[in-house]
Amino acid sequence: MFELDARLAGDTHAMGDLPLSRLLLMNDARYPWFILVPRREEISEVFQLDAPDREALWNETVQLSEGVKDAFGAHKMNVATLGNVVSQLHVHVVARRREDAVWPDPVWGRPPAVPYDQAQVEAIKERLRVVLGSCVAWT
């Protein structure tokens, strides 16, 4: 049975589920930073997914990236699977703007995070609903 890594659960807000992946919002209000986690057991690498799941993960990543770019006016989208701290397979989708806190440097390892309040989380979820609509089972 799929279980979300405890660190991911602690660092994020659950937004909902796409057909394959859990959609999370990183709890750092400096950037629109989302994470997709395929709901599969004991997977740490993309190549461990079967072919249909690899295709589904890529399609969800593209769909999320396009929607986030539009919804948040990103100048550049950063998409990555790092997994050095959390081994559970997850894809980071980060909307970057030239005026963000660390542009043009990477966002990873740039403390301190600025946590969202619940109203901000709900506002972001509403923005995502506009661009992703019914393809997500919203929490």
N, C-alpha and C. Protein backbone atom coordinates (compact mmCIF):
# COMPACT_ATOMS: atom_id res chain seq x y z
N MET A 1 0.84 -1.18 0.00
CA MET A 1 0.00 0.00 0.00
C MET A 1 0.89 1.25 0.00
N PHE A 2 0.50 2.25 -0.78
CA PHE A 2 1.25 3.51 -0.87
C PHE A 2 1.20 4.24 0.46
N GLU A 3 2.34 4.75 0.88
CA GLU A 3 2.43 5.60 2.06
C GLU A 3 3.38 6.74 1.74
N LEU A 4 2.92 7.96 1.94
CA LEU A 4 3.74 9.14 1.68
C LEU A 4 4.86 9.23 2.70
N ASP A 5 6.07 9.51 2.22
CA ASP A 5 7.22 9.68 3.09
C ASP A 5 6.91 10.73 4.16
N ALA A 6 7.32 10.46 5.39
CA ALA A 6 7.00 11.34 6.52
C ALA A 6 7.58 12.74 6.33
N ARG A 7 8.75 12.84 5.74
CA ARG A 7 9.34 14.18 5.55
C ARG A 7 8.53 14.97 4.52
N LEU A 8 8.14 14.32 3.41
CA LEU A 8 7.30 14.99 2.43
C LEU A 8 5.98 15.43 3.07
N ALA A 9 5.39 14.56 3.86
CA ALA A 9 4.13 14.90 4.52
C ALA A 9 4.31 16.09 5.45
N GLY A 10 5.42 16.15 6.14
CA GLY A 10 5.66 17.23 7.08
C GLY A 10 6.02 18.55 6.45
N ASP A 11 6.58 18.51 5.24
CA ASP A 11 7.04 19.73 4.56
C ASP A 11 6.05 20.30 3.56
N THR A 12 4.88 19.67 3.41
CA THR A 12 3.97 20.04 2.33
C THR A 12 2.52 20.12 2.82
N HIS A 13 1.69 20.64 1.93
CA HIS A 13 0.24 20.61 2.08
C HIS A 13 -0.30 19.73 0.95
N ALA A 14 -1.17 18.78 1.29
CA ALA A 14 -1.78 17.93 0.27
C ALA A 14 -2.81 18.75 -0.50
N MET A 15 -2.73 18.70 -1.82
CA MET A 15 -3.68 19.39 -2.69
C MET A 15 -4.74 18.43 -3.22
N GLY A 16 -4.31 17.21 -3.57
CA GLY A 16 -5.23 16.24 -4.13
C GLY A 16 -4.47 15.15 -4.86
N ASP A 17 -5.21 14.36 -5.61
CA ASP A 17 -4.63 13.24 -6.35
C ASP A 17 -4.96 13.35 -7.82
N LEU A 18 -3.93 13.19 -8.65
CA LEU A 18 -4.11 12.98 -10.08
C LEU A 18 -4.26 11.48 -10.28
N PRO A 19 -4.49 11.00 -11.49
CA PRO A 19 -4.67 9.56 -11.67
C PRO A 19 -3.52 8.72 -11.10
N LEU A 20 -2.27 9.16 -11.24
CA LEU A 20 -1.14 8.41 -10.71
C LEU A 20 -0.58 9.01 -9.43
N SER A 21 -0.51 10.31 -9.37
CA SER A 21 0.32 10.97 -8.36
C SER A 21 -0.46 11.78 -7.35
N ARG A 22 0.09 11.83 -6.14
CA ARG A 22 -0.38 12.77 -5.12
C ARG A 22 0.23 14.12 -5.43
N LEU A 23 -0.58 15.17 -5.39
CA LEU A 23 -0.13 16.53 -5.65
C LEU A 23 0.02 17.26 -4.32
N LEU A 24 1.23 17.77 -4.08
CA LEU A 24 1.57 18.45 -2.84
C LEU A 24 2.05 19.86 -3.14
N LEU A 25 1.85 20.74 -2.17
CA LEU A 25 2.37 22.10 -2.21
C LEU A 25 3.45 22.20 -1.15
N MET A 26 4.68 22.53 -1.56
CA MET A 26 5.76 22.73 -0.59
C MET A 26 5.40 23.91 0.30
N ASN A 27 5.61 23.75 1.59
CA ASN A 27 5.23 24.79 2.56
C ASN A 27 6.30 25.88 2.61
N ASP A 28 6.44 26.58 1.48
CA ASP A 28 7.39 27.69 1.38
C ASP A 28 6.78 28.73 0.44
N ALA A 29 6.25 29.78 1.05
CA ALA A 29 5.50 30.79 0.30
C ALA A 29 6.37 31.67 -0.58
N ARG A 30 7.68 31.45 -0.59
CA ARG A 30 8.55 32.24 -1.45
C ARG A 30 8.43 31.84 -2.92
N TYR A 31 7.96 30.62 -3.16
CA TYR A 31 7.88 30.10 -4.52
C TYR A 31 6.62 29.24 -4.67
N PRO A 32 5.95 29.29 -5.82
CA PRO A 32 4.92 28.29 -6.13
C PRO A 32 5.64 26.97 -6.44
N TRP A 33 5.71 26.09 -5.46
CA TRP A 33 6.55 24.89 -5.52
C TRP A 33 5.67 23.69 -5.24
N PHE A 34 5.53 22.84 -6.23
CA PHE A 34 4.65 21.68 -6.14
C PHE A 34 5.46 20.40 -6.27
N ILE A 35 4.90 19.32 -5.76
CA ILE A 35 5.56 18.02 -5.81
C ILE A 35 4.53 16.99 -6.22
N LEU A 36 4.92 16.15 -7.17
CA LEU A 36 4.12 15.01 -7.57
C LEU A 36 4.77 13.74 -7.03
N VAL A 37 4.00 12.89 -6.37
CA VAL A 37 4.52 11.64 -5.82
C VAL A 37 3.67 10.50 -6.39
N PRO A 38 4.25 9.67 -7.27
CA PRO A 38 3.47 8.53 -7.76
C PRO A 38 3.03 7.65 -6.59
N ARG A 39 1.77 7.28 -6.59
CA ARG A 39 1.23 6.45 -5.51
C ARG A 39 1.55 4.98 -5.79
N ARG A 40 2.81 4.68 -5.70
CA ARG A 40 3.31 3.32 -5.88
C ARG A 40 4.25 2.99 -4.72
N GLU A 41 4.26 1.73 -4.32
CA GLU A 41 5.08 1.30 -3.18
C GLU A 41 6.55 1.16 -3.58
N GLU A 42 7.41 1.60 -2.67
CA GLU A 42 8.85 1.33 -2.73
C GLU A 42 9.48 1.68 -4.08
N ILE A 43 9.14 2.85 -4.60
CA ILE A 43 9.73 3.32 -5.85
C ILE A 43 10.58 4.54 -5.53
N SER A 44 11.84 4.49 -5.94
CA SER A 44 12.73 5.62 -5.69
C SER A 44 13.28 6.23 -6.98
N GLU A 45 13.11 5.54 -8.10
CA GLU A 45 13.65 6.00 -9.37
C GLU A 45 12.58 5.90 -10.46
N VAL A 46 12.63 6.79 -11.41
CA VAL A 46 11.68 6.78 -12.52
C VAL A 46 11.72 5.45 -13.26
N PHE A 47 12.91 4.91 -13.46
CA PHE A 47 13.03 3.67 -14.24
C PHE A 47 12.41 2.47 -13.54
N GLN A 48 12.07 2.59 -12.25
CA GLN A 48 11.41 1.50 -11.54
C GLN A 48 9.91 1.44 -11.83
N LEU A 49 9.37 2.50 -12.39
CA LEU A 49 7.96 2.49 -12.79
C LEU A 49 7.81 1.67 -14.06
N ASP A 50 6.67 1.03 -14.23
CA ASP A 50 6.43 0.35 -15.50
C ASP A 50 6.15 1.42 -16.57
N ALA A 51 6.18 1.02 -17.81
CA ALA A 51 6.07 1.97 -18.92
C ALA A 51 4.80 2.84 -18.86
N PRO A 52 3.63 2.26 -18.59
CA PRO A 52 2.44 3.12 -18.51
C PRO A 52 2.53 4.15 -17.38
N ASP A 53 3.11 3.76 -16.24
CA ASP A 53 3.25 4.71 -15.14
C ASP A 53 4.29 5.78 -15.46
N ARG A 54 5.36 5.43 -16.14
CA ARG A 54 6.35 6.45 -16.56
C ARG A 54 5.69 7.47 -17.47
N GLU A 55 4.89 6.99 -18.41
CA GLU A 55 4.20 7.89 -19.32
C GLU A 55 3.20 8.76 -18.56
N ALA A 56 2.47 8.16 -17.64
CA ALA A 56 1.50 8.91 -16.85
C ALA A 56 2.19 9.98 -16.00
N LEU A 57 3.32 9.63 -15.38
CA LEU A 57 4.05 10.60 -14.56
C LEU A 57 4.53 11.76 -15.41
N TRP A 58 5.05 11.47 -16.57
CA TRP A 58 5.52 12.56 -17.44
C TRP A 58 4.34 13.43 -17.89
N ASN A 59 3.23 12.81 -18.25
CA ASN A 59 2.06 13.58 -18.67
C ASN A 59 1.53 14.46 -17.54
N GLU A 60 1.50 13.93 -16.32
CA GLU A 60 1.06 14.73 -15.18
C GLU A 60 2.04 15.87 -14.90
N THR A 61 3.32 15.60 -15.06
CA THR A 61 4.34 16.64 -14.84
C THR A 61 4.18 17.76 -15.85
N VAL A 62 3.98 17.43 -17.10
CA VAL A 62 3.78 18.44 -18.15
C VAL A 62 2.50 19.22 -17.89
N GLN A 63 1.42 18.52 -17.60
CA GLN A 63 0.14 19.18 -17.34
C GLN A 63 0.26 20.14 -16.16
N LEU A 64 0.88 19.70 -15.07
CA LEU A 64 1.06 20.56 -13.90
C LEU A 64 1.96 21.74 -14.24
N SER A 65 3.04 21.50 -14.94
CA SER A 65 3.97 22.57 -15.29
C SER A 65 3.30 23.64 -16.13
N GLU A 66 2.55 23.22 -17.14
CA GLU A 66 1.83 24.19 -17.98
C GLU A 66 0.82 24.99 -17.17
N GLY A 67 0.06 24.30 -16.33
CA GLY A 67 -0.94 24.98 -15.53
C GLY A 67 -0.34 25.95 -14.53
N VAL A 68 0.74 25.54 -13.87
CA VAL A 68 1.39 26.39 -12.88
C VAL A 68 2.04 27.60 -13.56
N LYS A 69 2.66 27.38 -14.71
CA LYS A 69 3.28 28.50 -15.43
C LYS A 69 2.23 29.56 -15.74
N ASP A 70 1.07 29.13 -16.22
CA ASP A 70 0.00 30.07 -16.53
C ASP A 70 -0.58 30.72 -15.27
N ALA A 71 -0.84 29.91 -14.26
CA ALA A 71 -1.52 30.41 -13.06
C ALA A 71 -0.67 31.37 -12.25
N PHE A 72 0.66 31.20 -12.31
CA PHE A 72 1.54 31.99 -11.45
C PHE A 72 2.49 32.91 -12.23
N GLY A 73 2.31 32.99 -13.55
CA GLY A 73 3.11 33.91 -14.35
C GLY A 73 4.60 33.65 -14.26
N ALA A 74 4.99 32.39 -14.33
CA ALA A 74 6.40 32.03 -14.21
C ALA A 74 7.19 32.45 -15.44
N HIS A 75 8.42 32.87 -15.21
CA HIS A 75 9.35 33.12 -16.31
C HIS A 75 10.04 31.83 -16.73
N LYS A 76 10.18 30.89 -15.77
CA LYS A 76 10.87 29.63 -16.03
C LYS A 76 10.30 28.58 -15.09
N MET A 77 10.13 27.37 -15.59
CA MET A 77 9.70 26.25 -14.75
C MET A 77 10.90 25.36 -14.45
N ASN A 78 11.12 25.06 -13.18
CA ASN A 78 12.14 24.11 -12.77
C ASN A 78 11.45 22.78 -12.47
N VAL A 79 11.87 21.73 -13.14
CA VAL A 79 11.31 20.40 -12.95
C VAL A 79 12.47 19.46 -12.67
N ALA A 80 12.38 18.71 -11.55
CA ALA A 80 13.51 17.86 -11.18
C ALA A 80 13.07 16.71 -10.29
N THR A 81 13.81 15.63 -10.37
CA THR A 81 13.71 14.52 -9.42
C THR A 81 15.08 14.40 -8.78
N LEU A 82 15.18 14.80 -7.54
CA LEU A 82 16.47 14.76 -6.85
C LEU A 82 16.56 13.53 -5.97
N GLY A 83 15.79 13.47 -4.91
CA GLY A 83 15.73 12.28 -4.08
C GLY A 83 16.95 12.02 -3.23
N ASN A 84 17.77 13.01 -2.99
CA ASN A 84 18.95 12.79 -2.16
C ASN A 84 18.59 12.76 -0.68
N VAL A 85 17.59 13.49 -0.26
CA VAL A 85 17.16 13.53 1.14
C VAL A 85 15.98 12.59 1.34
N VAL A 86 14.99 12.66 0.45
CA VAL A 86 13.82 11.78 0.48
C VAL A 86 13.94 10.84 -0.70
N SER A 87 14.10 9.55 -0.41
CA SER A 87 14.33 8.61 -1.52
C SER A 87 13.05 8.26 -2.28
N GLN A 88 11.88 8.41 -1.68
CA GLN A 88 10.63 8.12 -2.38
C GLN A 88 10.56 8.98 -3.64
N LEU A 89 10.26 8.34 -4.77
CA LEU A 89 10.20 9.07 -6.03
C LEU A 89 9.22 10.23 -5.93
N HIS A 90 9.71 11.41 -6.27
CA HIS A 90 8.86 12.61 -6.31
C HIS A 90 9.46 13.58 -7.31
N VAL A 91 8.57 14.34 -7.95
CA VAL A 91 8.97 15.29 -8.97
C VAL A 91 8.65 16.70 -8.46
N HIS A 92 9.68 17.54 -8.42
CA HIS A 92 9.50 18.94 -8.05
C HIS A 92 9.11 19.74 -9.29
N VAL A 93 8.11 20.58 -9.15
CA VAL A 93 7.67 21.49 -10.21
C VAL A 93 7.60 22.88 -9.57
N VAL A 94 8.57 23.73 -9.91
CA VAL A 94 8.72 25.02 -9.24
C VAL A 94 8.59 26.14 -10.26
N ALA A 95 7.66 27.04 -10.00
CA ALA A 95 7.50 28.22 -10.84
C ALA A 95 8.50 29.27 -10.40
N ARG A 96 9.37 29.67 -11.31
CA ARG A 96 10.39 30.66 -10.98
C ARG A 96 10.09 31.98 -11.67
N ARG A 97 10.32 33.05 -10.93
CA ARG A 97 10.16 34.40 -11.46
C ARG A 97 11.46 35.16 -11.21
N ARG A 98 11.78 36.04 -12.11
CA ARG A 98 13.03 36.80 -11.98
C ARG A 98 13.12 37.56 -10.67
N GLU A 99 11.98 37.92 -10.10
CA GLU A 99 11.99 38.67 -8.85
C GLU A 99 11.89 37.77 -7.61
N ASP A 100 11.98 36.43 -7.77
CA ASP A 100 11.88 35.59 -6.57
C ASP A 100 13.13 35.70 -5.71
N ALA A 101 13.06 35.13 -4.53
CA ALA A 101 14.06 35.35 -3.47
C ALA A 101 15.49 34.98 -3.86
N VAL A 102 15.68 34.00 -4.73
CA VAL A 102 17.05 33.56 -5.04
C VAL A 102 17.36 33.50 -6.53
N TRP A 103 16.49 34.06 -7.37
CA TRP A 103 16.73 34.03 -8.82
C TRP A 103 18.12 34.54 -9.14
N PRO A 104 18.88 33.90 -10.00
CA PRO A 104 18.57 32.73 -10.82
C PRO A 104 19.06 31.43 -10.20
N ASP A 105 19.48 31.45 -8.94
CA ASP A 105 20.01 30.26 -8.28
C ASP A 105 18.91 29.24 -8.01
N PRO A 106 19.30 27.99 -7.72
CA PRO A 106 18.30 26.97 -7.38
C PRO A 106 17.61 27.28 -6.06
N VAL A 107 16.38 26.77 -5.90
CA VAL A 107 15.62 26.98 -4.67
C VAL A 107 16.00 25.96 -3.59
N TRP A 108 16.56 24.84 -3.99
CA TRP A 108 16.86 23.77 -3.04
C TRP A 108 17.91 24.22 -2.03
N GLY A 109 17.65 23.89 -0.77
CA GLY A 109 18.60 24.18 0.28
C GLY A 109 18.74 25.65 0.61
N ARG A 110 17.71 26.44 0.35
CA ARG A 110 17.74 27.88 0.58
C ARG A 110 16.83 28.25 1.75
N PRO A 111 17.26 27.97 2.96
CA PRO A 111 16.41 28.35 4.09
C PRO A 111 16.49 29.85 4.34
N PRO A 112 15.67 30.40 5.16
CA PRO A 112 14.56 29.71 5.82
C PRO A 112 13.29 29.77 4.97
N ALA A 113 12.54 28.68 5.02
CA ALA A 113 11.25 28.66 4.34
C ALA A 113 10.30 29.63 5.03
N VAL A 114 9.38 30.16 4.25
CA VAL A 114 8.33 31.04 4.77
C VAL A 114 7.03 30.25 4.68
N PRO A 115 6.51 29.76 5.80
CA PRO A 115 5.31 28.91 5.74
C PRO A 115 4.08 29.67 5.26
N TYR A 116 3.20 28.93 4.58
CA TYR A 116 1.90 29.45 4.18
C TYR A 116 0.95 29.47 5.37
N ASP A 117 0.01 30.39 5.38
CA ASP A 117 -1.12 30.25 6.29
C ASP A 117 -2.22 29.53 5.52
N GLN A 118 -3.24 29.07 6.23
CA GLN A 118 -4.27 28.25 5.60
C GLN A 118 -5.02 28.99 4.50
N ALA A 119 -5.22 30.28 4.66
CA ALA A 119 -5.90 31.06 3.62
C ALA A 119 -5.07 31.08 2.33
N GLN A 120 -3.76 31.19 2.45
CA GLN A 120 -2.89 31.17 1.26
C GLN A 120 -2.96 29.81 0.57
N VAL A 121 -2.95 28.74 1.35
CA VAL A 121 -3.04 27.39 0.78
C VAL A 121 -4.34 27.24 0.00
N GLU A 122 -5.44 27.69 0.57
CA GLU A 122 -6.73 27.59 -0.11
C GLU A 122 -6.77 28.45 -1.38
N ALA A 123 -6.14 29.61 -1.34
CA ALA A 123 -6.09 30.47 -2.53
C ALA A 123 -5.29 29.81 -3.65
N ILE A 124 -4.20 29.16 -3.30
CA ILE A 124 -3.40 28.46 -4.31
C ILE A 124 -4.18 27.29 -4.88
N LYS A 125 -4.87 26.57 -4.02
CA LYS A 125 -5.68 25.45 -4.50
C LYS A 125 -6.73 25.95 -5.49
N GLU A 126 -7.34 27.08 -5.20
CA GLU A 126 -8.34 27.65 -6.13
C GLU A 126 -7.71 28.02 -7.46
N ARG A 127 -6.51 28.60 -7.44
CA ARG A 127 -5.81 28.92 -8.70
C ARG A 127 -5.53 27.66 -9.50
N LEU A 128 -5.14 26.60 -8.81
CA LEU A 128 -4.87 25.34 -9.51
C LEU A 128 -6.15 24.73 -10.07
N ARG A 129 -7.25 24.86 -9.35
CA ARG A 129 -8.52 24.32 -9.84
C ARG A 129 -8.89 24.93 -11.19
N VAL A 130 -8.57 26.19 -11.37
CA VAL A 130 -8.89 26.87 -12.63
C VAL A 130 -8.11 26.23 -13.79
N VAL A 131 -6.84 25.89 -13.56
CA VAL A 131 -6.01 25.39 -14.66
C VAL A 131 -5.98 23.87 -14.76
N LEU A 132 -6.27 23.15 -13.67
CA LEU A 132 -6.22 21.69 -13.70
C LEU A 132 -7.60 21.05 -13.63
N GLY A 133 -8.55 21.78 -13.07
CA GLY A 133 -9.94 21.35 -13.05
C GLY A 133 -10.18 19.97 -12.50
N SER A 134 -10.97 19.20 -13.23
CA SER A 134 -11.45 17.92 -12.74
C SER A 134 -10.44 16.79 -12.87
N CYS A 135 -9.26 17.06 -13.41
CA CYS A 135 -8.26 15.98 -13.51
C CYS A 135 -7.64 15.67 -12.14
N VAL A 136 -7.95 16.50 -11.12
CA VAL A 136 -7.45 16.29 -9.76
C VAL A 136 -8.64 16.00 -8.85
N ALA A 137 -8.50 14.97 -8.01
CA ALA A 137 -9.45 14.74 -6.93
C ALA A 137 -8.93 15.58 -5.76
N TRP A 138 -9.52 16.75 -5.57
CA TRP A 138 -9.03 17.74 -4.60
C TRP A 138 -9.32 17.30 -3.18
N THR A 139 -8.37 17.61 -2.28
CA THR A 139 -8.57 17.26 -0.86
C THR A 139 -9.34 18.35 -0.15
